[in-house]
PDB file of N, CA and C in Angstrom:
ATOM      1  N   MET A   1      13.498  -1.466 -13.284  1.00  0.00           N
ATOM      2  CA  MET A   1      13.514  -1.556 -11.848  1.00  0.00           C
ATOM      3  C   MET A   1      12.446  -0.625 -11.290  1.00  0.00           C
ATOM      4  N   PHE A   2      11.747  -1.102 -10.278  1.00  0.00           N
ATOM      5  CA  PHE A   2      10.716  -0.319  -9.613  1.00  0.00           C
ATOM      6  C   PHE A   2      11.018  -0.300  -8.128  1.00  0.00           C
ATOM      7  N   GLU A   3      11.040   0.889  -7.551  1.00  0.00           N
ATOM      8  CA  GLU A   3      11.247   1.029  -6.117  1.00  0.00           C
ATOM      9  C   GLU A   3      10.646   2.349  -5.669  1.00  0.00           C
ATOM     10  N   PRO A   4      10.289   2.448  -4.391  1.00  0.00           N
ATOM     11  CA  PRO A   4       9.778   3.722  -3.894  1.00  0.00           C
ATOM     12  C   PRO A   4      10.881   4.776  -3.933  1.00  0.00           C
ATOM     13  N   VAL A   5      10.499   6.022  -4.068  1.00  0.00           N
ATOM     14  CA  VAL A   5      11.490   7.089  -4.199  1.00  0.00           C
ATOM     15  C   VAL A   5      12.361   7.244  -2.963  1.00  0.00           C
ATOM     16  N   HIS A   6      11.899   6.799  -1.815  1.00  0.00           N
ATOM     17  CA  HIS A   6      12.717   6.938  -0.610  1.00  0.00           C
ATOM     18  C   HIS A   6      13.843   5.919  -0.571  1.00  0.00           C
ATOM     19  N   GLY A   7      13.850   4.955  -1.480  1.00  0.00           N
ATOM     20  CA  GLY A   7      14.910   3.965  -1.508  1.00  0.00           C
ATOM     21  C   GLY A   7      14.747   2.916  -0.430  1.00  0.00           C
ATOM     22  N   SER A   8      15.831   2.395   0.065  1.00  0.00           N
ATOM     23  CA  SER A   8      15.784   1.262   0.986  1.00  0.00           C
ATOM     24  C   SER A   8      15.714   1.645   2.465  1.00  0.00           C
ATOM     25  N   ALA A   9      15.898   2.901   2.800  1.00  0.00           N
ATOM     26  CA  ALA A   9      15.837   3.400   4.189  1.00  0.00           C
ATOM     27  C   ALA A   9      16.705   2.572   5.143  1.00  0.00           C
ATOM     28  N   PRO A  10      18.012   2.478   4.890  1.00  0.00           N
ATOM     29  CA  PRO A  10      18.872   1.641   5.730  1.00  0.00           C
ATOM     30  C   PRO A  10      18.931   2.083   7.187  1.00  0.00           C
ATOM     31  N   ASP A  11      18.636   3.340   7.467  1.00  0.00           N
ATOM     32  CA  ASP A  11      18.689   3.824   8.851  1.00  0.00           C
ATOM     33  C   ASP A  11      17.606   3.216   9.735  1.00  0.00           C
ATOM     34  N   ILE A  12      16.542   2.719   9.143  1.00  0.00           N
ATOM     35  CA  ILE A  12      15.484   2.103   9.949  1.00  0.00           C
ATOM     36  C   ILE A  12      15.285   0.628   9.612  1.00  0.00           C
ATOM     37  N   ALA A  13      16.184   0.071   8.816  1.00  0.00           N
ATOM     38  CA  ALA A  13      16.086  -1.341   8.426  1.00  0.00           C
ATOM     39  C   ALA A  13      16.061  -2.237   9.665  1.00  0.00           C
ATOM     40  N   GLY A  14      15.157  -3.191   9.664  1.00  0.00           N
ATOM     41  CA  GLY A  14      15.067  -4.173  10.736  1.00  0.00           C
ATOM     42  C   GLY A  14      14.357  -3.706  11.989  1.00  0.00           C
ATOM     43  N   LYS A  15      13.899  -2.464  12.022  1.00  0.00           N
ATOM     44  CA  LYS A  15      13.231  -1.941  13.217  1.00  0.00           C
ATOM     45  C   LYS A  15      11.719  -2.119  13.187  1.00  0.00           C
ATOM     46  N   GLY A  16      11.166  -2.476  12.028  1.00  0.00           N
ATOM     47  CA  GLY A  16       9.720  -2.688  11.933  1.00  0.00           C
ATOM     48  C   GLY A  16       8.911  -1.411  11.968  1.00  0.00           C
ATOM     49  N   ILE A  17       9.534  -0.290  11.613  1.00  0.00           N
ATOM     50  CA  ILE A  17       8.821   0.989  11.693  1.00  0.00           C
ATOM     51  C   ILE A  17       8.645   1.662  10.338  1.00  0.00           C
ATOM     52  N   ALA A  18       9.180   1.070   9.289  1.00  0.00           N
ATOM     53  CA  ALA A  18       9.068   1.668   7.952  1.00  0.00           C
ATOM     54  C   ALA A  18       7.628   1.590   7.458  1.00  0.00           C
ATOM     55  N   ASN A  19       7.198   2.611   6.775  1.00  0.00           N
ATOM     56  CA  ASN A  19       5.880   2.626   6.161  1.00  0.00           C
ATOM     57  C   ASN A  19       5.970   1.824   4.864  1.00  0.00           C
ATOM     58  N   PRO A  20       5.209   0.724   4.734  1.00  0.00           N
ATOM     59  CA  PRO A  20       5.320  -0.119   3.546  1.00  0.00           C
ATOM     60  C   PRO A  20       4.534   0.385   2.333  1.00  0.00           C
ATOM     61  N   ILE A  21       3.780   1.473   2.483  1.00  0.00           N
ATOM     62  CA  ILE A  21       2.909   1.916   1.396  1.00  0.00           C
ATOM     63  C   ILE A  21       3.696   2.256   0.137  1.00  0.00           C
ATOM     64  N   GLY A  22       4.828   2.931   0.251  1.00  0.00           N
ATOM     65  CA  GLY A  22       5.613   3.278  -0.929  1.00  0.00           C
ATOM     66  C   GLY A  22       6.039   2.056  -1.717  1.00  0.00           C
ATOM     67  N   GLN A  23       6.464   1.028  -1.021  1.00  0.00           N
ATOM     68  CA  GLN A  23       6.886  -0.198  -1.700  1.00  0.00           C
ATOM     69  C   GLN A  23       5.699  -0.905  -2.333  1.00  0.00           C
ATOM     70  N   ILE A  24       4.598  -0.968  -1.618  1.00  0.00           N
ATOM     71  CA  ILE A  24       3.397  -1.615  -2.155  1.00  0.00           C
ATOM     72  C   ILE A  24       2.887  -0.850  -3.374  1.00  0.00           C
ATOM     73  N   TRP A  25       2.875   0.462  -3.266  1.00  0.00           N
ATOM     74  CA  TRP A  25       2.405   1.289  -4.380  1.00  0.00           C
ATOM     75  C   TRP A  25       3.328   1.159  -5.588  1.00  0.00           C
ATOM     76  N   SER A  26       4.627   1.024  -5.345  1.00  0.00           N
ATOM     77  CA  SER A  26       5.561   0.791  -6.448  1.00  0.00           C
ATOM     78  C   SER A  26       5.200  -0.479  -7.204  1.00  0.00           C
ATOM     79  N   GLY A  27       4.794  -1.491  -6.475  1.00  0.00           N
ATOM     80  CA  GLY A  27       4.343  -2.729  -7.114  1.00  0.00           C
ATOM     81  C   GLY A  27       3.116  -2.494  -7.978  1.00  0.00           C
ATOM     82  N   ALA A  28       2.197  -1.669  -7.476  1.00  0.00           N
ATOM     83  CA  ALA A  28       0.997  -1.336  -8.254  1.00  0.00           C
ATOM     84  C   ALA A  28       1.378  -0.591  -9.535  1.00  0.00           C
ATOM     85  N   LEU A  29       2.309   0.334  -9.429  1.00  0.00           N
ATOM     86  CA  LEU A  29       2.750   1.082 -10.605  1.00  0.00           C
ATOM     87  C   LEU A  29       3.439   0.165 -11.618  1.00  0.00           C
ATOM     88  N   MET A  30       4.204  -0.798 -11.126  1.00  0.00           N
ATOM     89  CA  MET A  30       4.838  -1.759 -12.012  1.00  0.00           C
ATOM     90  C   MET A  30       3.782  -2.568 -12.756  1.00  0.00           C
ATOM     91  N   LEU A  31       2.775  -3.032 -12.020  1.00  0.00           N
ATOM     92  CA  LEU A  31       1.714  -3.802 -12.656  1.00  0.00           C
ATOM     93  C   LEU A  31       0.989  -2.989 -13.723  1.00  0.00           C
ATOM     94  N   ARG A  32       0.735  -1.713 -13.424  1.00  0.00           N
ATOM     95  CA  ARG A  32       0.078  -0.849 -14.407  1.00  0.00           C
ATOM     96  C   ARG A  32       0.963  -0.716 -15.659  1.00  0.00           C
ATOM     97  N   HIS A  33       2.247  -0.507 -15.452  1.00  0.00           N
ATOM     98  CA  HIS A  33       3.190  -0.383 -16.561  1.00  0.00           C
ATOM     99  C   HIS A  33       3.212  -1.654 -17.416  1.00  0.00           C
ATOM    100  N   LEU A  34       3.058  -2.796 -16.780  1.00  0.00           N
ATOM    101  CA  LEU A  34       3.083  -4.074 -17.484  1.00  0.00           C
ATOM    102  C   LEU A  34       1.723  -4.443 -18.080  1.00  0.00           C
ATOM    103  N   GLY A  35       0.733  -3.564 -17.918  1.00  0.00           N
ATOM    104  CA  GLY A  35      -0.580  -3.790 -18.519  1.00  0.00           C
ATOM    105  C   GLY A  35      -1.596  -4.467 -17.624  1.00  0.00           C
ATOM    106  N   ALA A  36      -1.277  -4.652 -16.368  1.00  0.00           N
ATOM    107  CA  ALA A  36      -2.195  -5.302 -15.435  1.00  0.00           C
ATOM    108  C   ALA A  36      -2.936  -4.244 -14.613  1.00  0.00           C
ATOM    109  N   SER A  37      -3.713  -3.429 -15.319  1.00  0.00           N
ATOM    110  CA  SER A  37      -4.392  -2.303 -14.672  1.00  0.00           C
ATOM    111  C   SER A  37      -5.384  -2.734 -13.601  1.00  0.00           C
ATOM    112  N   GLU A  38      -6.069  -3.834 -13.816  1.00  0.00           N
ATOM    113  CA  GLU A  38      -7.052  -4.306 -12.839  1.00  0.00           C
ATOM    114  C   GLU A  38      -6.374  -4.659 -11.508  1.00  0.00           C
ATOM    115  N   ALA A  39      -5.249  -5.338 -11.593  1.00  0.00           N
ATOM    116  CA  ALA A  39      -4.496  -5.681 -10.382  1.00  0.00           C
ATOM    117  C   ALA A  39      -3.946  -4.427  -9.719  1.00  0.00           C
ATOM    118  N   SER A  40      -3.456  -3.503 -10.528  1.00  0.00           N
ATOM    119  CA  SER A  40      -2.947  -2.238 -10.001  1.00  0.00           C
ATOM    120  C   SER A  40      -4.047  -1.476  -9.273  1.00  0.00           C
ATOM    121  N   ASP A  41      -5.217  -1.408  -9.896  1.00  0.00           N
ATOM    122  CA  ASP A  41      -6.360  -0.728  -9.266  1.00  0.00           C
ATOM    123  C   ASP A  41      -6.711  -1.366  -7.933  1.00  0.00           C
ATOM    124  N   ALA A  42      -6.686  -2.695  -7.882  1.00  0.00           N
ATOM    125  CA  ALA A  42      -7.031  -3.405  -6.649  1.00  0.00           C
ATOM    126  C   ALA A  42      -6.066  -3.040  -5.522  1.00  0.00           C
ATOM    127  N   ILE A  43      -4.785  -2.961  -5.827  1.00  0.00           N
ATOM    128  CA  ILE A  43      -3.793  -2.599  -4.814  1.00  0.00           C
ATOM    129  C   ILE A  43      -3.988  -1.154  -4.362  1.00  0.00           C
ATOM    130  N   GLU A  44      -4.160  -0.251  -5.320  1.00  0.00           N
ATOM    131  CA  GLU A  44      -4.371   1.154  -4.962  1.00  0.00           C
ATOM    132  C   GLU A  44      -5.643   1.330  -4.137  1.00  0.00           C
ATOM    133  N   ASP A  45      -6.700   0.599  -4.489  1.00  0.00           N
ATOM    134  CA  ASP A  45      -7.940   0.648  -3.708  1.00  0.00           C
ATOM    135  C   ASP A  45      -7.718   0.119  -2.296  1.00  0.00           C
ATOM    136  N   ALA A  46      -6.932  -0.957  -2.175  1.00  0.00           N
ATOM    137  CA  ALA A  46      -6.660  -1.538  -0.859  1.00  0.00           C
ATOM    138  C   ALA A  46      -5.901  -0.554   0.026  1.00  0.00           C
ATOM    139  N   ILE A  47      -4.954   0.164  -0.544  1.00  0.00           N
ATOM    140  CA  ILE A  47      -4.221   1.182   0.219  1.00  0.00           C
ATOM    141  C   ILE A  47      -5.182   2.276   0.681  1.00  0.00           C
ATOM    142  N   ALA A  48      -5.959   2.806  -0.259  1.00  0.00           N
ATOM    143  CA  ALA A  48      -6.871   3.909   0.058  1.00  0.00           C
ATOM    144  C   ALA A  48      -7.920   3.498   1.085  1.00  0.00           C
ATOM    145  N   THR A  49      -8.466   2.307   0.933  1.00  0.00           N
ATOM    146  CA  THR A  49      -9.501   1.837   1.850  1.00  0.00           C
ATOM    147  C   THR A  49      -8.933   1.604   3.242  1.00  0.00           C
ATOM    148  N   THR A  50      -7.756   1.036   3.300  1.00  0.00           N
ATOM    149  CA  THR A  50      -7.120   0.809   4.603  1.00  0.00           C
ATOM    150  C   THR A  50      -6.918   2.133   5.337  1.00  0.00           C
ATOM    151  N   LEU A  51      -6.420   3.126   4.637  1.00  0.00           N
ATOM    152  CA  LEU A  51      -6.193   4.426   5.275  1.00  0.00           C
ATOM    153  C   LEU A  51      -7.499   5.126   5.626  1.00  0.00           C
ATOM    154  N   ALA A  52      -8.538   4.939   4.818  1.00  0.00           N
ATOM    155  CA  ALA A  52      -9.813   5.606   5.061  1.00  0.00           C
ATOM    156  C   ALA A  52     -10.636   4.948   6.161  1.00  0.00           C
ATOM    157  N   GLU A  53     -10.521   3.629   6.287  1.00  0.00           N
ATOM    158  CA  GLU A  53     -11.440   2.905   7.159  1.00  0.00           C
ATOM    159  C   GLU A  53     -10.809   2.242   8.371  1.00  0.00           C
ATOM    160  N   SER A  54      -9.520   2.407   8.564  1.00  0.00           N
ATOM    161  CA  SER A  54      -8.905   1.788   9.737  1.00  0.00           C
ATOM    162  C   SER A  54      -7.967   2.778  10.414  1.00  0.00           C
ATOM    163  N   SER A  55      -7.555   2.424  11.608  1.00  0.00           N
ATOM    164  CA  SER A  55      -6.619   3.274  12.342  1.00  0.00           C
ATOM    165  C   SER A  55      -5.190   2.747  12.259  1.00  0.00           C
ATOM    166  N   VAL A  56      -4.981   1.729  11.430  1.00  0.00           N
ATOM    167  CA  VAL A  56      -3.647   1.144  11.282  1.00  0.00           C
ATOM    168  C   VAL A  56      -2.759   2.135  10.538  1.00  0.00           C
ATOM    169  N   ARG A  57      -1.729   2.616  11.227  1.00  0.00           N
ATOM    170  CA  ARG A  57      -0.801   3.603  10.663  1.00  0.00           C
ATOM    171  C   ARG A  57       0.585   3.382  11.272  1.00  0.00           C
ATOM    172  N   THR A  58       1.616   3.612  10.471  1.00  0.00           N
ATOM    173  CA  THR A  58       2.966   3.635  11.020  1.00  0.00           C
ATOM    174  C   THR A  58       3.201   5.017  11.632  1.00  0.00           C
ATOM    175  N   SER A  59       4.256   5.153  12.388  1.00  0.00           N
ATOM    176  CA  SER A  59       4.482   6.393  13.141  1.00  0.00           C
ATOM    177  C   SER A  59       4.649   7.621  12.253  1.00  0.00           C
ATOM    178  N   ASP A  60       5.164   7.449  11.037  1.00  0.00           N
ATOM    179  CA  ASP A  60       5.359   8.604  10.159  1.00  0.00           C
ATOM    180  C   ASP A  60       4.048   9.238   9.703  1.00  0.00           C
ATOM    181  N   ILE A  61       2.942   8.503   9.841  1.00  0.00           N
ATOM    182  CA  ILE A  61       1.634   9.060   9.472  1.00  0.00           C
ATOM    183  C   ILE A  61       0.680   9.053  10.666  1.00  0.00           C
ATOM    184  N   GLY A  62       1.260   9.208  11.850  1.00  0.00           N
ATOM    185  CA  GLY A  62       0.471   9.438  13.047  1.00  0.00           C
ATOM    186  C   GLY A  62      -0.023   8.226  13.797  1.00  0.00           C
ATOM    187  N   GLY A  63       0.530   7.067  13.538  1.00  0.00           N
ATOM    188  CA  GLY A  63       0.082   5.870  14.243  1.00  0.00           C
ATOM    189  C   GLY A  63       1.175   5.221  15.052  1.00  0.00           C
ATOM    190  N   SER A  64       0.892   4.005  15.484  1.00  0.00           N
ATOM    191  CA  SER A  64       1.884   3.258  16.253  1.00  0.00           C
ATOM    192  C   SER A  64       2.009   1.824  15.755  1.00  0.00           C
ATOM    193  N   SER A  65       1.463   1.549  14.588  1.00  0.00           N
ATOM    194  CA  SER A  65       1.511   0.201  14.021  1.00  0.00           C
ATOM    195  C   SER A  65       2.879  -0.072  13.413  1.00  0.00           C
ATOM    196  N   SER A  66       3.188  -1.350  13.302  1.00  0.00           N
ATOM    197  CA  SER A  66       4.461  -1.759  12.699  1.00  0.00           C
ATOM    198  C   SER A  66       4.320  -1.859  11.185  1.00  0.00           C
ATOM    199  N   THR A  67       5.455  -2.020  10.539  1.00  0.00           N
ATOM    200  CA  THR A  67       5.487  -2.251   9.095  1.00  0.00           C
ATOM    201  C   THR A  67       4.615  -3.449   8.740  1.00  0.00           C
ATOM    202  N   THR A  68       4.787  -4.523   9.471  1.00  0.00           N
ATOM    203  CA  THR A  68       4.031  -5.753   9.217  1.00  0.00           C
ATOM    204  C   THR A  68       2.540  -5.534   9.415  1.00  0.00           C
ATOM    205  N   GLU A  69       2.159  -4.837  10.468  1.00  0.00           N
ATOM    206  CA  GLU A  69       0.729  -4.613  10.729  1.00  0.00           C
ATOM    207  C   GLU A  69       0.067  -3.815   9.614  1.00  0.00           C
ATOM    208  N   LEU A  70       0.723  -2.756   9.141  1.00  0.00           N
ATOM    209  CA  LEU A  70       0.143  -1.969   8.059  1.00  0.00           C
ATOM    210  C   LEU A  70       0.131  -2.765   6.760  1.00  0.00           C
ATOM    211  N   GLY A  71       1.213  -3.464   6.468  1.00  0.00           N
ATOM    212  CA  GLY A  71       1.247  -4.296   5.266  1.00  0.00           C
ATOM    213  C   GLY A  71       0.170  -5.363   5.284  1.00  0.00           C
ATOM    214  N   GLU A  72      -0.022  -5.995   6.429  1.00  0.00           N
ATOM    215  CA  GLU A  72      -1.052  -7.029   6.560  1.00  0.00           C
ATOM    216  C   GLU A  72      -2.454  -6.441   6.429  1.00  0.00           C
ATOM    217  N   ALA A  73      -2.678  -5.248   6.957  1.00  0.00           N
ATOM    218  CA  ALA A  73      -3.990  -4.607   6.823  1.00  0.00           C
ATOM    219  C   ALA A  73      -4.315  -4.344   5.351  1.00  0.00           C
ATOM    220  N   ILE A  74      -3.319  -3.910   4.600  1.00  0.00           N
ATOM    221  CA  ILE A  74      -3.517  -3.670   3.162  1.00  0.00           C
ATOM    222  C   ILE A  74      -3.741  -4.997   2.447  1.00  0.00           C
ATOM    223  N   ALA A  75      -2.959  -6.015   2.776  1.00  0.00           N
ATOM    224  CA  ALA A  75      -3.126  -7.334   2.160  1.00  0.00           C
ATOM    225  C   ALA A  75      -4.510  -7.902   2.456  1.00  0.00           C
ATOM    226  N   GLN A  76      -5.006  -7.691   3.663  1.00  0.00           N
ATOM    227  CA  GLN A  76      -6.342  -8.174   4.028  1.00  0.00           C
ATOM    228  C   GLN A  76      -7.400  -7.524   3.145  1.00  0.00           C
ATOM    229  N   ARG A  77      -7.230  -6.252   2.836  1.00  0.00           N
ATOM    230  CA  ARG A  77      -8.177  -5.574   1.928  1.00  0.00           C
ATOM    231  C   ARG A  77      -8.151  -6.202   0.546  1.00  0.00           C
ATOM    232  N   LEU A  78      -6.995  -6.647   0.108  1.00  0.00           N
ATOM    233  CA  LEU A  78      -6.909  -7.326  -1.188  1.00  0.00           C
ATOM    234  C   LEU A  78      -7.621  -8.676  -1.160  1.00  0.00           C
ATOM    235  N   ARG A  79      -7.603  -9.324   0.000  1.00  0.00           N
ATOM    236  CA  ARG A  79      -8.274 -10.624   0.129  1.00  0.00           C
ATOM    237  C   ARG A  79      -9.778 -10.476   0.276  1.00  0.00           C
ATOM    238  N   THR A  80     -10.249  -9.276   0.626  1.00  0.00           N
ATOM    239  CA  THR A  80     -11.682  -9.035   0.811  1.00  0.00           C
ATOM    240  C   THR A  80     -12.106  -7.835  -0.034  1.00  0.00           C
ATOM    241  N   PRO A  81     -12.105  -7.990  -1.356  1.00  0.00           N
ATOM    242  CA  PRO A  81     -12.373  -6.852  -2.234  1.00  0.00           C
ATOM    243  C   PRO A  81     -13.758  -6.243  -2.070  1.00  0.00           C
ATOM    244  N   ASN A  82     -14.734  -6.982  -1.554  1.00  0.00           N
ATOM    245  CA  ASN A  82     -16.059  -6.413  -1.373  1.00  0.00           C
ATOM    246  C   ASN A  82     -16.074  -5.319  -0.311  1.00  0.00           C
ATOM    247  N   LYS A  83     -15.010  -5.192   0.459  1.00  0.00           N
ATOM    248  CA  LYS A  83     -14.917  -4.148   1.468  1.00  0.00           C
ATOM    249  C   LYS A  83     -14.193  -2.907   0.947  1.00  0.00           C
ATOM    250  N   GLN A  84     -13.775  -2.946  -0.301  1.00  0.00           N
ATOM    251  CA  GLN A  84     -13.029  -1.821  -0.856  1.00  0.00           C
ATOM    252  C   GLN A  84     -13.973  -0.727  -1.319  1.00  0.00           C
ATOM    253  N   LEU A  85     -13.484   0.484  -1.296  1.00  0.00           N
ATOM    254  CA  LEU A  85     -14.227   1.614  -1.817  1.00  0.00           C
ATOM    255  C   LEU A  85     -14.308   1.511  -3.329  1.00  0.00           C
ATOM    256  N   SER A  86     -15.433   1.889  -3.886  1.00  0.00           N
ATOM    257  CA  SER A  86     -15.466   1.979  -5.343  1.00  0.00           C
ATOM    258  C   SER A  86     -14.819   3.289  -5.739  1.00  0.00           C
ATOM    259  N   ARG A  87     -14.217   3.322  -6.899  1.00  0.00           N
ATOM    260  CA  ARG A  87     -13.523   4.520  -7.318  1.00  0.00           C
ATOM    261  C   ARG A  87     -13.817   4.788  -8.779  1.00  0.00           C
ATOM    262  N   PRO A  88     -13.768   6.028  -9.173  1.00  0.00           N
ATOM    263  CA  PRO A  88     -13.985   6.331 -10.593  1.00  0.00           C
ATOM    264  C   PRO A  88     -12.852   5.766 -11.422  1.00  0.00           C
ATOM    265  N   ASN A  89     -13.120   5.527 -12.665  1.00  0.00           N
ATOM    266  CA  ASN A  89     -12.104   5.010 -13.565  1.00  0.00           C
ATOM    267  C   ASN A  89     -11.128   6.123 -13.879  1.00  0.00           C
ATOM    268  N   SER A  90     -10.057   6.219 -13.082  1.00  0.00           N
ATOM    269  CA  SER A  90      -9.114   7.322 -13.203  1.00  0.00           C
ATOM    270  C   SER A  90      -7.922   7.006 -14.093  1.00  0.00           C
ATOM    271  N   HIS A  91      -7.812   5.756 -14.516  1.00  0.00           N
ATOM    272  CA  HIS A  91      -6.690   5.374 -15.359  1.00  0.00           C
ATOM    273  C   HIS A  91      -7.211   4.793 -16.657  1.00  0.00           C
ATOM    274  N   PRO A  92      -6.538   5.076 -17.766  1.00  0.00           N
ATOM    275  CA  PRO A  92      -6.979   4.514 -19.054  1.00  0.00           C
ATOM    276  C   PRO A  92      -6.798   3.028 -19.127  1.00  0.00           C
TER     277      PRO A  92
END
């Protein structure tokens, strides 16, 4: 089982204010564990690039975007990999 360390956050469920990065990153870690390092790298790059190059943020990290808006911004980076930052090979 793979899940973010914060768990399901039932106190904010359905409000659209949860930061989706932990859940998305958990998926990347699962992919790495299963041997899909390239896919994992792409997700991690999409998270990093979104945070570095856009103002899309949920309230817990200083923004006013919704869960969906931040998740969609990260997904858009995955659909446009040429816009991602290059990164050193940090994983074996």
